[in-house]
Amino acid sequence: MVAGAFGIPYPAESRVLVPDTLVVPLVGYDDCCYRLGYGGGYYDRTLAVAEPKPLSIGIGFASLRLETIWPQQYDVPMDYVVTEAETIRRRA
């Protein structure tokens, strides 16, 4: 370990790990597996450039289901949305 910013230690040597699955929180979702997140766009930007693309699973509550989220061109749909009531698989 070596000291980084603010004296916070981090591994001096590490390898890059590429996840095969991402579990993504959501605050809203629709039947096409598009999600509303917390407004930063971090997951959408990550999924847009990830190679290979990991399996993406949105996790939330059934009460957050919307008719549509009106997805924009930069929104990336989840492969699945899982709630306490159902699992939705994105249609190809």
N, C-alpha and C. Protein backbone atom coordinates (compact mmCIF):
# COMPACT_ATOMS: atom_id res chain seq x y z
N MET A 1 0.84 -1.17 0.00
CA MET A 1 0.00 0.00 0.00
C MET A 1 0.89 1.24 0.00
N VAL A 2 0.42 2.26 -0.70
CA VAL A 2 1.10 3.56 -0.70
C VAL A 2 0.07 4.63 -0.38
N ALA A 3 0.57 5.76 0.14
CA ALA A 3 -0.33 6.85 0.51
C ALA A 3 -0.74 7.62 -0.74
N GLY A 4 -2.02 7.86 -0.87
CA GLY A 4 -2.57 8.63 -1.99
C GLY A 4 -3.06 9.98 -1.50
N ALA A 5 -4.03 10.53 -2.21
CA ALA A 5 -4.60 11.82 -1.84
C ALA A 5 -5.11 11.78 -0.41
N PHE A 6 -4.83 12.84 0.34
CA PHE A 6 -5.27 12.97 1.73
C PHE A 6 -4.73 11.86 2.62
N GLY A 7 -3.63 11.20 2.19
CA GLY A 7 -3.02 10.14 2.98
C GLY A 7 -3.80 8.83 2.97
N ILE A 8 -4.76 8.70 2.08
CA ILE A 8 -5.56 7.48 2.00
C ILE A 8 -4.77 6.41 1.26
N PRO A 9 -4.51 5.25 1.90
CA PRO A 9 -3.71 4.22 1.24
C PRO A 9 -4.47 3.51 0.13
N TYR A 10 -3.71 3.13 -0.88
CA TYR A 10 -4.27 2.34 -1.99
C TYR A 10 -3.20 1.34 -2.44
N PRO A 11 -3.60 0.26 -3.11
CA PRO A 11 -2.60 -0.74 -3.53
C PRO A 11 -1.59 -0.13 -4.50
N ALA A 12 -0.33 -0.39 -4.27
CA ALA A 12 0.73 0.13 -5.15
C ALA A 12 0.68 -0.55 -6.51
N GLU A 13 0.35 -1.80 -6.52
CA GLU A 13 0.24 -2.54 -7.78
C GLU A 13 -1.11 -3.24 -7.80
N SER A 14 -1.76 -3.17 -8.92
CA SER A 14 -3.04 -3.86 -9.03
C SER A 14 -3.30 -4.18 -10.49
N ARG A 15 -4.19 -5.12 -10.72
CA ARG A 15 -4.58 -5.46 -12.08
C ARG A 15 -5.99 -4.93 -12.31
N VAL A 16 -6.29 -4.68 -13.55
CA VAL A 16 -7.61 -4.20 -13.89
C VAL A 16 -8.58 -5.37 -13.91
N LEU A 17 -9.69 -5.23 -13.21
CA LEU A 17 -10.71 -6.25 -13.18
C LEU A 17 -11.90 -5.77 -14.01
N VAL A 18 -12.41 -6.65 -14.85
CA VAL A 18 -13.56 -6.32 -15.69
C VAL A 18 -14.74 -7.15 -15.19
N PRO A 19 -15.77 -6.49 -14.66
CA PRO A 19 -16.91 -7.24 -14.12
C PRO A 19 -17.73 -7.87 -15.23
N ASP A 20 -18.33 -9.02 -14.95
CA ASP A 20 -19.22 -9.62 -15.94
C ASP A 20 -20.68 -9.32 -15.62
N THR A 21 -20.94 -8.78 -14.41
CA THR A 21 -22.29 -8.43 -14.00
C THR A 21 -22.25 -7.14 -13.18
N LEU A 22 -23.20 -6.25 -13.43
CA LEU A 22 -23.37 -5.05 -12.61
C LEU A 22 -24.76 -5.06 -12.00
N VAL A 23 -24.85 -4.81 -10.71
CA VAL A 23 -26.13 -4.64 -10.03
C VAL A 23 -26.28 -3.13 -9.83
N VAL A 24 -27.33 -2.57 -10.45
CA VAL A 24 -27.46 -1.12 -10.57
C VAL A 24 -28.71 -0.65 -9.82
N PRO A 25 -28.57 0.30 -8.88
CA PRO A 25 -29.75 0.81 -8.18
C PRO A 25 -30.59 1.67 -9.12
N LEU A 26 -31.90 1.72 -8.84
CA LEU A 26 -32.76 2.57 -9.66
C LEU A 26 -33.79 3.27 -8.79
N VAL A 27 -34.24 4.43 -9.26
CA VAL A 27 -35.31 5.16 -8.58
C VAL A 27 -36.56 5.22 -9.45
N GLY A 28 -36.51 4.58 -10.59
CA GLY A 28 -37.64 4.45 -11.49
C GLY A 28 -37.25 3.54 -12.64
N TYR A 29 -38.25 2.88 -13.24
CA TYR A 29 -37.97 2.00 -14.37
C TYR A 29 -39.23 1.85 -15.19
N ASP A 30 -39.05 1.38 -16.45
CA ASP A 30 -40.22 1.11 -17.29
C ASP A 30 -40.15 -0.31 -17.83
N ASP A 31 -41.16 -0.70 -18.61
CA ASP A 31 -41.24 -2.07 -19.12
C ASP A 31 -40.16 -2.42 -20.14
N CYS A 32 -39.47 -1.41 -20.66
CA CYS A 32 -38.37 -1.65 -21.61
C CYS A 32 -37.03 -1.74 -20.90
N CYS A 33 -37.05 -1.77 -19.57
CA CYS A 33 -35.86 -1.89 -18.72
C CYS A 33 -34.97 -0.65 -18.74
N TYR A 34 -35.52 0.49 -19.14
CA TYR A 34 -34.79 1.74 -18.94
C TYR A 34 -34.99 2.16 -17.50
N ARG A 35 -33.99 2.82 -16.95
CA ARG A 35 -34.03 3.18 -15.53
C ARG A 35 -33.78 4.66 -15.33
N LEU A 36 -34.31 5.15 -14.25
CA LEU A 36 -33.93 6.46 -13.73
C LEU A 36 -33.01 6.18 -12.56
N GLY A 37 -31.90 6.90 -12.55
CA GLY A 37 -30.96 6.73 -11.46
C GLY A 37 -30.95 7.95 -10.56
N TYR A 38 -29.79 8.26 -10.05
CA TYR A 38 -29.66 9.37 -9.12
C TYR A 38 -29.15 10.64 -9.78
N GLY A 39 -29.12 10.66 -11.13
CA GLY A 39 -28.84 11.89 -11.85
C GLY A 39 -27.42 12.13 -12.30
N GLY A 40 -26.49 11.26 -11.98
CA GLY A 40 -25.10 11.49 -12.38
C GLY A 40 -24.75 10.93 -13.74
N GLY A 41 -25.49 9.93 -14.20
CA GLY A 41 -25.20 9.30 -15.49
C GLY A 41 -24.01 8.36 -15.48
N TYR A 42 -23.51 8.02 -14.31
CA TYR A 42 -22.30 7.21 -14.22
C TYR A 42 -22.50 5.80 -14.79
N TYR A 43 -23.61 5.18 -14.47
CA TYR A 43 -23.85 3.82 -14.97
C TYR A 43 -24.05 3.84 -16.49
N ASP A 44 -24.82 4.78 -17.00
CA ASP A 44 -25.04 4.86 -18.45
C ASP A 44 -23.72 5.07 -19.19
N ARG A 45 -22.89 5.96 -18.70
CA ARG A 45 -21.59 6.22 -19.37
C ARG A 45 -20.69 4.99 -19.28
N THR A 46 -20.71 4.31 -18.15
CA THR A 46 -19.89 3.11 -17.99
C THR A 46 -20.36 2.01 -18.94
N LEU A 47 -21.68 1.75 -18.97
CA LEU A 47 -22.22 0.69 -19.82
C LEU A 47 -22.05 1.01 -21.30
N ALA A 48 -22.07 2.27 -21.67
CA ALA A 48 -21.94 2.65 -23.07
C ALA A 48 -20.57 2.30 -23.65
N VAL A 49 -19.54 2.27 -22.82
CA VAL A 49 -18.19 2.02 -23.33
C VAL A 49 -17.59 0.70 -22.86
N ALA A 50 -18.30 -0.02 -22.01
CA ALA A 50 -17.76 -1.27 -21.44
C ALA A 50 -17.58 -2.32 -22.53
N GLU A 51 -16.41 -2.93 -22.56
CA GLU A 51 -16.10 -4.03 -23.48
C GLU A 51 -15.38 -5.12 -22.69
N PRO A 52 -15.95 -6.28 -22.60
CA PRO A 52 -17.27 -6.67 -23.09
C PRO A 52 -18.35 -6.08 -22.20
N LYS A 53 -19.54 -5.92 -22.74
CA LYS A 53 -20.64 -5.34 -21.99
C LYS A 53 -21.08 -6.32 -20.90
N PRO A 54 -21.07 -5.87 -19.65
CA PRO A 54 -21.50 -6.76 -18.57
C PRO A 54 -23.02 -6.93 -18.55
N LEU A 55 -23.47 -8.00 -17.96
CA LEU A 55 -24.89 -8.18 -17.69
C LEU A 55 -25.29 -7.11 -16.69
N SER A 56 -26.35 -6.35 -16.99
CA SER A 56 -26.77 -5.26 -16.10
C SER A 56 -28.13 -5.59 -15.50
N ILE A 57 -28.19 -5.52 -14.18
CA ILE A 57 -29.41 -5.85 -13.44
C ILE A 57 -29.79 -4.65 -12.58
N GLY A 58 -30.92 -4.02 -12.93
CA GLY A 58 -31.44 -2.92 -12.14
C GLY A 58 -32.22 -3.45 -10.96
N ILE A 59 -32.01 -2.87 -9.79
CA ILE A 59 -32.67 -3.33 -8.56
C ILE A 59 -33.46 -2.17 -7.96
N GLY A 60 -34.74 -2.43 -7.67
CA GLY A 60 -35.57 -1.41 -7.05
C GLY A 60 -36.86 -2.00 -6.53
N PHE A 61 -37.82 -1.15 -6.28
CA PHE A 61 -39.11 -1.57 -5.76
C PHE A 61 -40.17 -1.46 -6.84
N ALA A 62 -41.15 -2.35 -6.80
CA ALA A 62 -42.23 -2.38 -7.79
C ALA A 62 -42.99 -1.05 -7.83
N SER A 63 -43.07 -0.36 -6.74
CA SER A 63 -43.77 0.92 -6.68
C SER A 63 -43.09 2.01 -7.51
N LEU A 64 -41.88 1.76 -7.98
CA LEU A 64 -41.13 2.73 -8.78
C LEU A 64 -41.38 2.60 -10.28
N ARG A 65 -42.23 1.64 -10.65
CA ARG A 65 -42.52 1.39 -12.07
C ARG A 65 -43.27 2.57 -12.68
N LEU A 66 -42.82 2.98 -13.87
CA LEU A 66 -43.41 4.09 -14.60
C LEU A 66 -43.88 3.61 -15.97
N GLU A 67 -44.83 4.31 -16.56
CA GLU A 67 -45.27 3.96 -17.92
C GLU A 67 -44.10 4.07 -18.89
N THR A 68 -43.32 5.13 -18.78
CA THR A 68 -42.09 5.30 -19.55
C THR A 68 -41.20 6.28 -18.80
N ILE A 69 -39.91 6.20 -19.04
CA ILE A 69 -39.02 7.21 -18.47
C ILE A 69 -38.62 8.23 -19.55
N TRP A 70 -39.20 8.07 -20.74
CA TRP A 70 -38.84 8.92 -21.88
C TRP A 70 -37.33 8.87 -22.09
N PRO A 71 -36.79 7.69 -22.44
CA PRO A 71 -35.33 7.55 -22.56
C PRO A 71 -34.75 8.49 -23.61
N GLN A 72 -33.57 8.97 -23.31
CA GLN A 72 -32.80 9.83 -24.21
C GLN A 72 -31.77 8.98 -24.95
N GLN A 73 -31.09 9.56 -25.93
CA GLN A 73 -30.16 8.78 -26.75
C GLN A 73 -28.99 8.22 -25.94
N TYR A 74 -28.66 8.80 -24.81
CA TYR A 74 -27.55 8.33 -24.00
C TYR A 74 -27.98 7.31 -22.93
N ASP A 75 -29.27 7.06 -22.76
CA ASP A 75 -29.73 6.09 -21.77
C ASP A 75 -29.48 4.67 -22.26
N VAL A 76 -28.99 3.82 -21.38
CA VAL A 76 -28.69 2.42 -21.69
C VAL A 76 -29.66 1.54 -20.89
N PRO A 77 -30.43 0.69 -21.55
CA PRO A 77 -31.37 -0.15 -20.81
C PRO A 77 -30.65 -1.25 -20.04
N MET A 78 -31.26 -1.67 -18.95
CA MET A 78 -30.76 -2.80 -18.18
C MET A 78 -31.14 -4.09 -18.91
N ASP A 79 -30.40 -5.15 -18.69
CA ASP A 79 -30.78 -6.45 -19.23
C ASP A 79 -31.97 -7.02 -18.45
N TYR A 80 -31.99 -6.74 -17.15
CA TYR A 80 -33.08 -7.17 -16.28
C TYR A 80 -33.38 -6.06 -15.29
N VAL A 81 -34.64 -6.00 -14.85
CA VAL A 81 -35.02 -5.20 -13.69
C VAL A 81 -35.66 -6.17 -12.70
N VAL A 82 -35.16 -6.14 -11.46
CA VAL A 82 -35.64 -7.05 -10.43
C VAL A 82 -36.23 -6.23 -9.29
N THR A 83 -37.46 -6.59 -8.90
CA THR A 83 -38.11 -5.97 -7.75
C THR A 83 -38.60 -7.08 -6.82
N GLU A 84 -39.24 -6.69 -5.75
CA GLU A 84 -39.79 -7.69 -4.84
C GLU A 84 -40.98 -8.42 -5.45
N ALA A 85 -41.55 -7.86 -6.52
CA ALA A 85 -42.76 -8.44 -7.12
C ALA A 85 -42.52 -9.15 -8.44
N GLU A 86 -41.44 -8.81 -9.15
CA GLU A 86 -41.25 -9.38 -10.49
C GLU A 86 -39.83 -9.21 -10.98
N THR A 87 -39.55 -9.94 -12.04
CA THR A 87 -38.31 -9.77 -12.79
C THR A 87 -38.71 -9.51 -14.24
N ILE A 88 -38.19 -8.41 -14.79
CA ILE A 88 -38.48 -8.05 -16.18
C ILE A 88 -37.20 -8.25 -16.99
N ARG A 89 -37.31 -8.93 -18.10
CA ARG A 89 -36.18 -9.13 -19.01
C ARG A 89 -36.36 -8.20 -20.21
N ARG A 90 -35.28 -7.51 -20.56
CA ARG A 90 -35.33 -6.61 -21.71
C ARG A 90 -35.62 -7.40 -22.98
N ARG A 91 -36.53 -6.88 -23.75
CA ARG A 91 -36.85 -7.52 -25.03
C ARG A 91 -35.83 -7.09 -26.06
N ALA A 92 -35.38 -8.05 -26.85
CA ALA A 92 -34.36 -7.76 -27.88
C ALA A 92 -34.95 -7.09 -29.09
